[in-house]
Amino acid sequence: MTGQSKPLVISVPEPRTLDLIFTPGQKQVLFDRYEVVETGASGVAALPNHILARAKYILGQPPISEQTLEKLGQLRCVLNVESNLIDNMPYERLFQRGIYVLTTGAVFAEPVAELGLGLALDLFRGITNGDNDFRHGKERWGGEGNASARLLSGAEVGIIGFGDLGRALNRLLSGFRAKIKVFDPWLPASLLADNNVTPASLEEVLSQSDVVFVVASVTTENEGFLGGESFRSMRKGAAFVLLSRADVVDFEALMAAVVKGHIVAASDVFPEEPLASDHPVRELKGFLRSAHRAGALDIAFKRMGDMVLEDMNLMDRGLPPMRCKRAERETVSRMRSRPVDKN
């Protein structure tokens, strides 16, 4: 197949790279099947008109203006490998033209869920604290070291948000025979019931859970919606595990609830990243910290490459994409997650 006869891909995977999301073999398949034009996010609009006119796919989510979109006459799909939908293109016009916007964020669900489970187990059993005590000769043996320990098995668990990450977490928790309540206002109760979880209000999830996992995306409707009253309504000694985005939480109120000893908490995400060296959460007792690393595994990035190639192959054959998640007309404009700048 000659270059001119191959489908053309504009490659702008920032902050990812092709070598990050494709194995050498996958990358070879990409370049064998497609004519790949690589550029930076700000360079798409400056590409020659004949390149824009032939482009079938955009790998990444660079800014696209109405004027640039008009030149992308054969565009079939934008494959977002950043995974947070960004408000930088005219979605309504894309949908009107039948152009797919796909995300590969599902690759992070399993690794993030596993780390979230690890954080919850640590909060319940004091693993990190016990290790630190041992290092400093302050360990407490046997039952003396379990004054505040609890079992996750059979516990009452709350999950806020039930997308790919929430469902992955639910699968992991099934082995613990947990009683799981879920709050997700974007999903029907029957879908939650089909996943063997109990649909519940936000108030029920917060007040009736031994541990609450927050895995909801940030939207125009929920920025900072978990605040002081939310934490006060939780059971004393309950655990709060934040895995999605810090913007859904009033972080100062969360820290205050931990300082008071009302709850313990863990987070993989923070209001600013990297976090200031003097931020008080760094020294906060009862708070486990993870540097936004839950999903950043090489195996997850390489799964992106699989998903992208499989969906492009389907679309090449006139079929709809099946592996990546589609942006929806009704919700895409509500998304407010900030783009990542580190892989």
C-alpha atoms as a PDB file:
ATOM      1  CA  MET A   1       0.000   0.000   0.000  1.00  0.00           C
ATOM      2  CA  THR A   2       1.497   3.343  -0.995  1.00  0.00           C
ATOM      3  CA  GLY A   3       1.628   6.348   1.309  1.00  0.00           C
ATOM      4  CA  GLN A   4      -1.072   8.153  -0.639  1.00  0.00           C
ATOM      5  CA  SER A   5      -3.419   5.150  -0.436  1.00  0.00           C
ATOM      6  CA  LYS A   6      -2.989   4.575   3.288  1.00  0.00           C
ATOM      7  CA  PRO A   7      -5.403   6.256   5.720  1.00  0.00           C
ATOM      8  CA  LEU A   8      -3.713   9.316   7.191  1.00  0.00           C
ATOM      9  CA  VAL A   9      -3.248   9.735  10.935  1.00  0.00           C
ATOM     10  CA  ILE A  10      -2.261  13.023  12.553  1.00  0.00           C
ATOM     11  CA  SER A  11      -0.292  11.984  15.629  1.00  0.00           C
ATOM     12  CA  VAL A  12      -0.462  14.407  18.570  1.00  0.00           C
ATOM     13  CA  PRO A  13      -0.547  12.178  21.667  1.00  0.00           C
ATOM     14  CA  GLU A  14       0.813  14.777  24.146  1.00  0.00           C
ATOM     15  CA  PRO A  15       1.615  14.296  26.962  1.00  0.00           C
ATOM     16  CA  ARG A  16       1.988  10.687  25.825  1.00  0.00           C
ATOM     17  CA  THR A  17       4.415   9.580  23.128  1.00  0.00           C
ATOM     18  CA  LEU A  18       4.028   6.894  20.498  1.00  0.00           C
ATOM     19  CA  ASP A  19       6.753   4.874  22.218  1.00  0.00           C
ATOM     20  CA  LEU A  20       4.841   5.059  25.498  1.00  0.00           C
ATOM     21  CA  ILE A  21       1.510   3.804  24.178  1.00  0.00           C
ATOM     22  CA  PHE A  22       2.725   1.354  21.527  1.00  0.00           C
ATOM     23  CA  THR A  23       5.054  -1.615  21.829  1.00  0.00           C
ATOM     24  CA  PRO A  24       7.658  -1.736  19.057  1.00  0.00           C
ATOM     25  CA  GLY A  25       5.479  -4.289  17.282  1.00  0.00           C
ATOM     26  CA  GLN A  26       2.338  -2.194  17.629  1.00  0.00           C
ATOM     27  CA  LYS A  27       4.168   0.886  16.421  1.00  0.00           C
ATOM     28  CA  GLN A  28       5.344  -1.001  13.353  1.00  0.00           C
ATOM     29  CA  VAL A  29       1.744  -2.017  12.632  1.00  0.00           C
ATOM     30  CA  LEU A  30       0.676   1.620  12.966  1.00  0.00           C
ATOM     31  CA  PHE A  31       3.252   2.816  10.442  1.00  0.00           C
ATOM     32  CA  ASP A  32       2.629  -0.121   8.118  1.00  0.00           C
ATOM     33  CA  ARG A  33      -1.120   0.454   7.945  1.00  0.00           C
ATOM     34  CA  TYR A  34      -1.235   4.232   8.068  1.00  0.00           C
ATOM     35  CA  GLU A  35       0.516   7.328   6.853  1.00  0.00           C
ATOM     36  CA  VAL A  36       1.463   8.989  10.135  1.00  0.00           C
ATOM     37  CA  VAL A  37       2.061  12.738  10.322  1.00  0.00           C
ATOM     38  CA  GLU A  38       3.564  13.738  13.664  1.00  0.00           C
ATOM     39  CA  THR A  39       3.249  17.248  15.076  1.00  0.00           C
ATOM     40  CA  GLY A  40       2.751  19.128  18.333  1.00  0.00           C
ATOM     41  CA  ALA A  41      -0.584  20.198  19.795  1.00  0.00           C
ATOM     42  CA  SER A  42      -0.162  23.745  18.540  1.00  0.00           C
ATOM     43  CA  GLY A  43       0.956  22.547  15.124  1.00  0.00           C
ATOM     44  CA  VAL A  44      -2.223  20.930  13.833  1.00  0.00           C
ATOM     45  CA  ALA A  45      -3.782  24.132  12.542  1.00  0.00           C
ATOM     46  CA  ALA A  46      -0.542  24.943  10.711  1.00  0.00           C
ATOM     47  CA  LEU A  47      -0.385  21.662   8.797  1.00  0.00           C
ATOM     48  CA  PRO A  48      -0.720  21.981   5.026  1.00  0.00           C
ATOM     49  CA  ASN A  49      -4.283  21.947   3.757  1.00  0.00           C
ATOM     50  CA  HIS A  50      -3.698  18.780   1.715  1.00  0.00           C
ATOM     51  CA  ILE A  51      -2.670  16.946   4.914  1.00  0.00           C
ATOM     52  CA  LEU A  52      -5.695  18.185   6.862  1.00  0.00           C
ATOM     53  CA  ALA A  53      -7.989  17.289   3.974  1.00  0.00           C
ATOM     54  CA  ARG A  54      -6.802  13.669   3.935  1.00  0.00           C
ATOM     55  CA  ALA A  55      -6.635  13.046   7.681  1.00  0.00           C
ATOM     56  CA  LYS A  56      -8.913  10.216   8.784  1.00  0.00           C
ATOM     57  CA  TYR A  57      -7.807   9.969  12.397  1.00  0.00           C
ATOM     58  CA  ILE A  58      -6.293  12.269  15.012  1.00  0.00           C
ATOM     59  CA  LEU A  59      -4.339  10.441  17.698  1.00  0.00           C
ATOM     60  CA  GLY A  60      -4.511  12.712  20.737  1.00  0.00           C
ATOM     61  CA  GLN A  61      -6.740  15.670  21.550  1.00  0.00           C
ATOM     62  CA  PRO A  62      -5.071  18.849  20.306  1.00  0.00           C
ATOM     63  CA  PRO A  63      -6.999  22.137  20.069  1.00  0.00           C
ATOM     64  CA  ILE A  64      -9.222  22.169  16.970  1.00  0.00           C
ATOM     65  CA  SER A  65     -10.985  25.362  15.952  1.00  0.00           C
ATOM     66  CA  GLU A  66     -14.095  25.563  13.801  1.00  0.00           C
ATOM     67  CA  GLN A  67     -11.887  26.787  10.951  1.00  0.00           C
ATOM     68  CA  THR A  68      -9.474  23.861  11.257  1.00  0.00           C
ATOM     69  CA  LEU A  69     -12.338  21.385  11.519  1.00  0.00           C
ATOM     70  CA  GLU A  70     -13.707  22.635   8.202  1.00  0.00           C
ATOM     71  CA  LYS A  71     -10.415  21.641   6.573  1.00  0.00           C
ATOM     72  CA  LEU A  72     -10.566  18.145   8.104  1.00  0.00           C
ATOM     73  CA  GLY A  73     -13.006  16.958   5.484  1.00  0.00           C
ATOM     74  CA  GLN A  74     -12.344  13.210   5.863  1.00  0.00           C
ATOM     75  CA  LEU A  75     -11.923  13.125   9.629  1.00  0.00           C
ATOM     76  CA  ARG A  76     -13.552  10.043  11.099  1.00  0.00           C
ATOM     77  CA  CYS A  77     -12.358   9.967  14.698  1.00  0.00           C
ATOM     78  CA  VAL A  78     -10.406  11.785  17.421  1.00  0.00           C
ATOM     79  CA  LEU A  79      -8.721   9.197  19.651  1.00  0.00           C
ATOM     80  CA  ASN A  80      -8.017  10.861  22.969  1.00  0.00           C
ATOM     81  CA  VAL A  81      -5.096   9.105  24.678  1.00  0.00           C
ATOM     82  CA  GLU A  82      -4.825  11.746  27.398  1.00  0.00           C
ATOM     83  CA  SER A  83      -8.070  10.206  28.722  1.00  0.00           C
ATOM     84  CA  ASN A  84      -9.560  13.395  30.166  1.00  0.00           C
ATOM     85  CA  LEU A  85     -11.942  14.980  27.678  1.00  0.00           C
ATOM     86  CA  ILE A  86     -10.791  18.543  27.123  1.00  0.00           C
ATOM     87  CA  ASP A  87     -12.903  21.569  26.239  1.00  0.00           C
ATOM     88  CA  ASN A  88     -10.769  22.486  23.229  1.00  0.00           C
ATOM     89  CA  MET A  89     -12.828  21.542  20.181  1.00  0.00           C
ATOM     90  CA  PRO A  90     -16.359  22.142  18.828  1.00  0.00           C
ATOM     91  CA  TYR A  91     -17.951  18.918  20.025  1.00  0.00           C
ATOM     92  CA  GLU A  92     -21.398  19.742  18.656  1.00  0.00           C
ATOM     93  CA  ARG A  93     -20.002  20.130  15.139  1.00  0.00           C
ATOM     94  CA  LEU A  94     -18.053  16.880  15.521  1.00  0.00           C
ATOM     95  CA  PHE A  95     -21.205  15.042  16.507  1.00  0.00           C
ATOM     96  CA  GLN A  96     -23.207  16.637  13.698  1.00  0.00           C
ATOM     97  CA  ARG A  97     -20.662  15.309  11.230  1.00  0.00           C
ATOM     98  CA  GLY A  98     -20.668  11.839  12.769  1.00  0.00           C
ATOM     99  CA  ILE A  99     -17.068  12.120  13.945  1.00  0.00           C
ATOM    100  CA  TYR A 100     -16.283   9.909  16.917  1.00  0.00           C
ATOM    101  CA  VAL A 101     -14.429  11.231  19.966  1.00  0.00           C
ATOM    102  CA  LEU A 102     -13.010   8.262  21.858  1.00  0.00           C
ATOM    103  CA  THR A 103     -11.095   7.943  25.108  1.00  0.00           C
ATOM    104  CA  THR A 104      -8.783   5.188  26.279  1.00  0.00           C
ATOM    105  CA  GLY A 105      -9.235   5.913  29.985  1.00  0.00           C
ATOM    106  CA  ALA A 106     -10.606   2.426  30.648  1.00  0.00           C
ATOM    107  CA  VAL A 107      -7.023   1.123  30.618  1.00  0.00           C
ATOM    108  CA  PHE A 108      -6.450   2.813  33.974  1.00  0.00           C
ATOM    109  CA  ALA A 109      -9.490   1.321  35.734  1.00  0.00           C
ATOM    110  CA  GLU A 110      -7.900  -1.917  36.882  1.00  0.00           C
ATOM    111  CA  PRO A 111      -4.546  -0.524  38.099  1.00  0.00           C
ATOM    112  CA  VAL A 112      -6.208   2.396  39.886  1.00  0.00           C
ATOM    113  CA  ALA A 113      -8.744   0.075  41.505  1.00  0.00           C
ATOM    114  CA  GLU A 114      -5.956  -2.196  42.744  1.00  0.00           C
ATOM    115  CA  LEU A 115      -4.058   0.671  44.330  1.00  0.00           C
ATOM    116  CA  GLY A 116      -7.290   1.997  45.831  1.00  0.00           C
ATOM    117  CA  LEU A 117      -7.931  -1.383  47.405  1.00  0.00           C
ATOM    118  CA  GLY A 118      -4.378  -1.343  48.764  1.00  0.00           C
ATOM    119  CA  LEU A 119      -4.904   2.090  50.309  1.00  0.00           C
ATOM    120  CA  ALA A 120      -8.136   0.955  51.951  1.00  0.00           C
ATOM    121  CA  LEU A 121      -6.478  -2.156  53.384  1.00  0.00           C
ATOM    122  CA  ASP A 122      -3.640   0.002  54.701  1.00  0.00           C
ATOM    123  CA  LEU A 123      -6.074   2.387  56.391  1.00  0.00           C
ATOM    124  CA  PHE A 124      -7.991  -0.543  57.909  1.00  0.00           C
ATOM    125  CA  ARG A 125      -4.944  -2.487  59.101  1.00  0.00           C
ATOM    126  CA  GLY A 126      -2.317   0.211  59.730  1.00  0.00           C
ATOM    127  CA  ILE A 127       0.278  -1.380  57.471  1.00  0.00           C
ATOM    128  CA  THR A 128       2.332   1.746  56.779  1.00  0.00           C
ATOM    129  CA  ASN A 129       2.082   2.970  60.367  1.00  0.00           C
ATOM    130  CA  GLY A 130       3.112  -0.448  61.650  1.00  0.00           C
ATOM    131  CA  ASP A 131       6.129  -0.494  59.353  1.00  0.00           C
ATOM    132  CA  ASN A 132       7.172   3.011  60.408  1.00  0.00           C
ATOM    133  CA  ASP A 133       6.845   2.054  64.085  1.00  0.00           C
ATOM    134  CA  PHE A 134       8.990  -1.030  63.484  1.00  0.00           C
ATOM    135  CA  ARG A 135      11.687   1.029  61.755  1.00  0.00           C
ATOM    136  CA  HIS A 136      11.911   3.287  64.811  1.00  0.00           C
ATOM    137  CA  GLY A 137      11.800   0.561  67.458  1.00  0.00           C
ATOM    138  CA  LYS A 138       8.269   1.475  68.523  1.00  0.00           C
ATOM    139  CA  GLU A 139       6.421  -1.589  67.218  1.00  0.00           C
ATOM    140  CA  ARG A 140       3.558  -3.056  69.190  1.00  0.00           C
ATOM    141  CA  TRP A 141       3.327  -6.836  68.983  1.00  0.00           C
ATOM    142  CA  GLY A 142       0.204  -8.917  68.460  1.00  0.00           C
ATOM    143  CA  GLY A 143      -3.098  -7.522  69.567  1.00  0.00           C
ATOM    144  CA  GLU A 144      -1.487  -4.387  70.972  1.00  0.00           C
ATOM    145  CA  GLY A 145      -0.765  -3.328  67.402  1.00  0.00           C
ATOM    146  CA  ASN A 146      -4.389  -3.743  66.324  1.00  0.00           C
ATOM    147  CA  ALA A 147      -6.242  -1.307  68.570  1.00  0.00           C
ATOM    148  CA  SER A 148      -7.890   0.421  65.610  1.00  0.00           C
ATOM    149  CA  ALA A 149      -7.658  -2.391  63.030  1.00  0.00           C
ATOM    150  CA  ARG A 150     -10.735  -3.547  61.126  1.00  0.00           C
ATOM    151  CA  LEU A 151     -11.635  -6.115  58.503  1.00  0.00           C
ATOM    152  CA  LEU A 152     -12.540  -5.149  54.963  1.00  0.00           C
ATOM    153  CA  SER A 153     -14.203  -8.539  54.583  1.00  0.00           C
ATOM    154  CA  GLY A 154     -17.936  -8.094  55.105  1.00  0.00           C
ATOM    155  CA  ALA A 155     -17.565  -4.326  55.551  1.00  0.00           C
ATOM    156  CA  GLU A 156     -20.084  -1.755  54.370  1.00  0.00           C
ATOM    157  CA  VAL A 157     -18.535  -0.011  51.387  1.00  0.00           C
ATOM    158  CA  GLY A 158     -19.627   3.109  49.526  1.00  0.00           C
ATOM    159  CA  ILE A 159     -18.586   3.995  45.991  1.00  0.00           C
ATOM    160  CA  ILE A 160     -19.200   7.464  44.542  1.00  0.00           C
ATOM    161  CA  GLY A 161     -19.206   7.167  40.762  1.00  0.00           C
ATOM    162  CA  PHE A 162     -19.666   3.938  38.826  1.00  0.00           C
ATOM    163  CA  GLY A 163     -17.873   4.290  35.519  1.00  0.00           C
ATOM    164  CA  ASP A 164     -15.053   2.018  34.413  1.00  0.00           C
ATOM    165  CA  LEU A 165     -13.095   2.599  37.619  1.00  0.00           C
ATOM    166  CA  GLY A 166     -16.067   2.061  39.913  1.00  0.00           C
ATOM    167  CA  ARG A 167     -16.913  -1.211  38.170  1.00  0.00           C
ATOM    168  CA  ALA A 168     -13.311  -2.425  38.336  1.00  0.00           C
ATOM    169  CA  LEU A 169     -13.270  -1.646  42.045  1.00  0.00           C
ATOM    170  CA  ASN A 170     -16.552  -3.491  42.525  1.00  0.00           C
ATOM    171  CA  ARG A 171     -15.084  -6.602  40.878  1.00  0.00           C
ATOM    172  CA  LEU A 172     -12.097  -6.549  43.225  1.00  0.00           C
ATOM    173  CA  LEU A 173     -14.288  -6.044  46.283  1.00  0.00           C
ATOM    174  CA  SER A 174     -16.467  -9.027  45.415  1.00  0.00           C
ATOM    175  CA  GLY A 175     -13.839 -11.291  46.954  1.00  0.00           C
ATOM    176  CA  PHE A 176     -14.275  -9.488  50.280  1.00  0.00           C
ATOM    177  CA  ARG A 177     -18.024 -10.143  50.454  1.00  0.00           C
ATOM    178  CA  ALA A 178     -18.489  -6.420  51.023  1.00  0.00           C
ATOM    179  CA  LYS A 179     -21.925  -4.842  51.166  1.00  0.00           C
ATOM    180  CA  ILE A 180     -21.629  -2.158  48.505  1.00  0.00           C
ATOM    181  CA  LYS A 181     -23.757   0.959  48.073  1.00  0.00           C
ATOM    182  CA  VAL A 182     -23.233   3.177  45.019  1.00  0.00           C
ATOM    183  CA  PHE A 183     -24.152   6.770  44.258  1.00  0.00           C
ATOM    184  CA  ASP A 184     -24.040   7.790  40.605  1.00  0.00           C
ATOM    185  CA  PRO A 185     -26.736  10.212  39.409  1.00  0.00           C
ATOM    186  CA  TRP A 186     -25.881   9.558  35.746  1.00  0.00           C
ATOM    187  CA  LEU A 187     -26.813   5.877  35.874  1.00  0.00           C
ATOM    188  CA  PRO A 188     -30.179   4.108  36.230  1.00  0.00           C
ATOM    189  CA  ALA A 189     -30.783   2.041  39.343  1.00  0.00           C
ATOM    190  CA  SER A 190     -31.289  -1.116  37.278  1.00  0.00           C
ATOM    191  CA  LEU A 191     -27.764  -0.908  35.859  1.00  0.00           C
ATOM    192  CA  LEU A 192     -26.335  -0.657  39.357  1.00  0.00           C
ATOM    193  CA  ALA A 193     -28.458  -3.585  40.501  1.00  0.00           C
ATOM    194  CA  ASP A 194     -27.241  -5.630  37.523  1.00  0.00           C
ATOM    195  CA  ASN A 195     -23.724  -5.155  38.914  1.00  0.00           C
ATOM    196  CA  ASN A 196     -24.812  -6.514  42.308  1.00  0.00           C
ATOM    197  CA  VAL A 197     -24.518  -3.201  44.116  1.00  0.00           C
ATOM    198  CA  THR A 198     -27.217  -1.277  45.945  1.00  0.00           C
ATOM    199  CA  PRO A 199     -28.254   2.070  44.438  1.00  0.00           C
ATOM    200  CA  ALA A 200     -28.146   4.732  47.163  1.00  0.00           C
ATOM    201  CA  SER A 201     -28.242   8.443  47.756  1.00  0.00           C
ATOM    202  CA  LEU A 202     -25.060  10.377  48.437  1.00  0.00           C
ATOM    203  CA  GLU A 203     -26.162  10.813  52.047  1.00  0.00           C
ATOM    204  CA  GLU A 204     -26.645   7.057  52.458  1.00  0.00           C
ATOM    205  CA  VAL A 205     -23.262   6.240  50.944  1.00  0.00           C
ATOM    206  CA  LEU A 206     -21.484   8.704  53.222  1.00  0.00           C
ATOM    207  CA  SER A 207     -23.289   7.935  56.459  1.00  0.00           C
ATOM    208  CA  GLN A 208     -23.627   4.152  56.139  1.00  0.00           C
ATOM    209  CA  SER A 209     -20.162   3.100  54.963  1.00  0.00           C
ATOM    210  CA  ASP A 210     -17.029   1.916  56.724  1.00  0.00           C
ATOM    211  CA  VAL A 211     -15.014   3.066  53.709  1.00  0.00           C
ATOM    212  CA  VAL A 212     -15.971   5.430  50.898  1.00  0.00           C
ATOM    213  CA  PHE A 213     -14.193   5.293  47.535  1.00  0.00           C
ATOM    214  CA  VAL A 214     -14.485   8.407  45.367  1.00  0.00           C
ATOM    215  CA  VAL A 215     -14.046   7.566  41.694  1.00  0.00           C
ATOM    216  CA  ALA A 216     -16.287  10.201  40.086  1.00  0.00           C
ATOM    217  CA  SER A 217     -15.102  12.381  37.216  1.00  0.00           C
ATOM    218  CA  VAL A 218     -15.140  16.148  37.703  1.00  0.00           C
ATOM    219  CA  THR A 219     -18.109  17.806  35.996  1.00  0.00           C
ATOM    220  CA  THR A 220     -19.822  21.192  35.979  1.00  0.00           C
ATOM    221  CA  GLU A 221     -22.226  19.744  38.556  1.00  0.00           C
ATOM    222  CA  ASN A 222     -19.911  18.259  41.159  1.00  0.00           C
ATOM    223  CA  GLU A 223     -16.844  20.470  41.587  1.00  0.00           C
ATOM    224  CA  GLY A 224     -16.109  20.565  45.324  1.00  0.00           C
ATOM    225  CA  PHE A 225     -19.378  18.799  46.156  1.00  0.00           C
ATOM    226  CA  LEU A 226     -17.795  16.757  48.951  1.00  0.00           C
ATOM    227  CA  GLY A 227     -17.202  19.266  51.735  1.00  0.00           C
ATOM    228  CA  GLY A 228     -17.261  19.692  55.475  1.00  0.00           C
ATOM    229  CA  GLU A 229     -20.842  18.524  55.935  1.00  0.00           C
ATOM    230  CA  SER A 230     -20.098  15.417  53.865  1.00  0.00           C
ATOM    231  CA  PHE A 231     -17.191  14.419  56.086  1.00  0.00           C
ATOM    232  CA  ARG A 232     -19.077  15.187  59.294  1.00  0.00           C
ATOM    233  CA  SER A 233     -21.846  12.838  58.148  1.00  0.00           C
ATOM    234  CA  MET A 234     -19.453   9.903  57.846  1.00  0.00           C
ATOM    235  CA  ARG A 235     -19.091   7.319  60.579  1.00  0.00           C
ATOM    236  CA  LYS A 236     -16.401   8.133  63.119  1.00  0.00           C
ATOM    237  CA  GLY A 237     -13.267   6.259  62.151  1.00  0.00           C
ATOM    238  CA  ALA A 238     -14.465   5.577  58.604  1.00  0.00           C
ATOM    239  CA  ALA A 239     -11.983   5.646  55.721  1.00  0.00           C
ATOM    240  CA  PHE A 240     -12.184   7.994  52.737  1.00  0.00           C
ATOM    241  CA  VAL A 241     -10.218   7.022  49.601  1.00  0.00           C
ATOM    242  CA  LEU A 242      -9.922   9.582  46.783  1.00  0.00           C
ATOM    243  CA  LEU A 243      -8.891   8.109  43.431  1.00  0.00           C
ATOM    244  CA  SER A 244     -10.402  10.218  40.637  1.00  0.00           C
ATOM    245  CA  ARG A 245      -9.725  13.972  40.790  1.00  0.00           C
ATOM    246  CA  ALA A 246      -9.131  16.262  43.761  1.00  0.00           C
ATOM    247  CA  ASP A 247     -11.502  18.891  42.334  1.00  0.00           C
ATOM    248  CA  VAL A 248     -14.547  16.898  43.488  1.00  0.00           C
ATOM    249  CA  VAL A 249     -13.469  17.503  47.091  1.00  0.00           C
ATOM    250  CA  ASP A 250     -13.068  20.528  49.333  1.00  0.00           C
ATOM    251  CA  PHE A 251      -9.534  19.449  50.202  1.00  0.00           C
ATOM    252  CA  GLU A 252      -9.180  21.803  53.166  1.00  0.00           C
ATOM    253  CA  ALA A 253     -12.356  20.344  54.673  1.00  0.00           C
ATOM    254  CA  LEU A 254     -11.077  16.818  54.076  1.00  0.00           C
ATOM    255  CA  MET A 255      -7.836  17.579  55.899  1.00  0.00           C
ATOM    256  CA  ALA A 256      -9.768  19.204  58.738  1.00  0.00           C
ATOM    257  CA  ALA A 257     -11.870  16.064  59.202  1.00  0.00           C
ATOM    258  CA  VAL A 258      -8.683  13.985  59.428  1.00  0.00           C
ATOM    259  CA  VAL A 259      -7.037  16.448  61.841  1.00  0.00           C
ATOM    260  CA  LYS A 260     -10.063  16.133  64.138  1.00  0.00           C
ATOM    261  CA  GLY A 261      -9.718  12.363  64.073  1.00  0.00           C
ATOM    262  CA  HIS A 262     -13.234  11.912  62.734  1.00  0.00           C
ATOM    263  CA  ILE A 263     -12.068   9.950  59.652  1.00  0.00           C
ATOM    264  CA  VAL A 264      -8.885   8.626  58.114  1.00  0.00           C
ATOM    265  CA  ALA A 265      -8.149   9.255  54.453  1.00  0.00           C
ATOM    266  CA  ALA A 266      -5.983   8.379  51.494  1.00  0.00           C
ATOM    267  CA  SER A 267      -5.536  10.126  48.157  1.00  0.00           C
ATOM    268  CA  ASP A 268      -3.756   9.530  44.875  1.00  0.00           C
ATOM    269  CA  VAL A 269      -4.652  13.031  43.627  1.00  0.00           C
ATOM    270  CA  PHE A 270      -4.153  16.541  44.958  1.00  0.00           C
ATOM    271  CA  PRO A 271      -5.339  20.118  44.282  1.00  0.00           C
ATOM    272  CA  GLU A 272      -1.991  21.031  42.742  1.00  0.00           C
ATOM    273  CA  GLU A 273       0.419  18.570  41.208  1.00  0.00           C
ATOM    274  CA  PRO A 274       3.272  18.422  41.974  1.00  0.00           C
ATOM    275  CA  LEU A 275       2.325  19.396  45.499  1.00  0.00           C
ATOM    276  CA  ALA A 276       4.141  22.230  47.272  1.00  0.00           C
ATOM    277  CA  SER A 277       6.916  20.966  49.544  1.00  0.00           C
ATOM    278  CA  ASP A 278       5.350  22.722  52.537  1.00  0.00           C
ATOM    279  CA  HIS A 279       1.755  21.612  51.927  1.00  0.00           C
ATOM    280  CA  PRO A 280       0.267  20.537  55.299  1.00  0.00           C
ATOM    281  CA  VAL A 281      -1.091  17.248  53.934  1.00  0.00           C
ATOM    282  CA  ARG A 282       2.491  15.971  53.708  1.00  0.00           C
ATOM    283  CA  GLU A 283       2.748  15.707  57.495  1.00  0.00           C
ATOM    284  CA  LEU A 284      -0.884  14.923  58.260  1.00  0.00           C
ATOM    285  CA  LYS A 285      -1.278  11.914  60.535  1.00  0.00           C
ATOM    286  CA  GLY A 286      -4.107   9.642  59.472  1.00  0.00           C
ATOM    287  CA  PHE A 287      -3.691  10.532  55.793  1.00  0.00           C
ATOM    288  CA  LEU A 288      -2.045   8.180  53.262  1.00  0.00           C
ATOM    289  CA  ARG A 289      -0.485   9.863  50.239  1.00  0.00           C
ATOM    290  CA  SER A 290       0.206   8.540  46.726  1.00  0.00           C
ATOM    291  CA  ALA A 291       1.711  10.781  44.010  1.00  0.00           C
ATOM    292  CA  HIS A 292      -0.915  10.350  41.259  1.00  0.00           C
ATOM    293  CA  ARG A 293       0.726   7.071  40.299  1.00  0.00           C
ATOM    294  CA  ALA A 294      -2.187   4.647  40.595  1.00  0.00           C
ATOM    295  CA  GLY A 295      -2.757   4.172  36.880  1.00  0.00           C
ATOM    296  CA  ALA A 296       0.663   4.994  35.475  1.00  0.00           C
ATOM    297  CA  LEU A 297       1.802   1.463  34.696  1.00  0.00           C
ATOM    298  CA  ASP A 298       3.503   0.575  31.428  1.00  0.00           C
ATOM    299  CA  ILE A 299       1.051  -2.262  30.868  1.00  0.00           C
ATOM    300  CA  ALA A 300      -1.825   0.242  31.006  1.00  0.00           C
ATOM    301  CA  PHE A 301      -0.183   2.583  28.513  1.00  0.00           C
ATOM    302  CA  LYS A 302       0.489  -0.284  26.114  1.00  0.00           C
ATOM    303  CA  ARG A 303      -3.147  -1.369  26.334  1.00  0.00           C
ATOM    304  CA  MET A 304      -3.967   2.055  24.882  1.00  0.00           C
ATOM    305  CA  GLY A 305      -2.069   1.064  21.779  1.00  0.00           C
ATOM    306  CA  ASP A 306      -4.074  -2.154  21.475  1.00  0.00           C
ATOM    307  CA  MET A 307      -7.368  -0.299  21.839  1.00  0.00           C
ATOM    308  CA  VAL A 308      -6.436   2.383  19.322  1.00  0.00           C
ATOM    309  CA  LEU A 309      -5.297  -0.093  16.663  1.00  0.00           C
ATOM    310  CA  GLU A 310      -8.319  -2.338  17.108  1.00  0.00           C
ATOM    311  CA  ASP A 311     -10.827   0.508  16.857  1.00  0.00           C
ATOM    312  CA  MET A 312      -9.075   2.071  13.879  1.00  0.00           C
ATOM    313  CA  ASN A 313      -9.166  -1.319  12.166  1.00  0.00           C
ATOM    314  CA  LEU A 314     -12.916  -1.566  12.782  1.00  0.00           C
ATOM    315  CA  MET A 315     -13.529   1.926  11.411  1.00  0.00           C
ATOM    316  CA  ASP A 316     -11.350   1.178   8.389  1.00  0.00           C
ATOM    317  CA  ARG A 317     -13.813  -1.615   7.629  1.00  0.00           C
ATOM    318  CA  GLY A 318     -16.843   0.623   7.998  1.00  0.00           C
ATOM    319  CA  LEU A 319     -17.711  -0.652  11.477  1.00  0.00           C
ATOM    320  CA  PRO A 320     -18.186   1.348  14.688  1.00  0.00           C
ATOM    321  CA  PRO A 321     -15.404   1.463  17.291  1.00  0.00           C
ATOM    322  CA  MET A 322     -15.887  -1.002  20.148  1.00  0.00           C
ATOM    323  CA  ARG A 323     -12.832  -0.887  22.445  1.00  0.00           C
ATOM    324  CA  CYS A 324     -12.522   2.788  23.373  1.00  0.00           C
ATOM    325  CA  LYS A 325     -15.190   4.727  25.214  1.00  0.00           C
ATOM    326  CA  ARG A 326     -17.225   7.213  23.210  1.00  0.00           C
ATOM    327  CA  ALA A 327     -17.740  10.795  24.313  1.00  0.00           C
ATOM    328  CA  GLU A 328     -21.468  11.408  24.589  1.00  0.00           C
ATOM    329  CA  ARG A 329     -23.232  14.458  23.186  1.00  0.00           C
ATOM    330  CA  GLU A 330     -25.227  14.992  26.394  1.00  0.00           C
ATOM    331  CA  THR A 331     -22.311  14.869  28.838  1.00  0.00           C
ATOM    332  CA  VAL A 332     -19.076  15.803  27.063  1.00  0.00           C
ATOM    333  CA  SER A 333     -19.499  19.540  27.655  1.00  0.00           C
ATOM    334  CA  ARG A 334     -19.947  18.938  31.399  1.00  0.00           C
ATOM    335  CA  MET A 335     -16.539  17.327  31.911  1.00  0.00           C
ATOM    336  CA  ARG A 336     -14.070  19.467  33.845  1.00  0.00           C
ATOM    337  CA  SER A 337     -11.082  17.228  34.629  1.00  0.00           C
ATOM    338  CA  ARG A 338      -7.797  19.023  34.121  1.00  0.00           C
ATOM    339  CA  PRO A 339      -5.393  17.596  31.539  1.00  0.00           C
ATOM    340  CA  VAL A 340      -2.434  15.704  32.956  1.00  0.00           C
ATOM    341  CA  ASP A 341       1.080  16.976  32.281  1.00  0.00           C
ATOM    342  CA  LYS A 342       2.938  13.923  33.578  1.00  0.00           C
ATOM    343  CA  ASN A 343       2.507  10.311  32.464  1.00  0.00           C
END
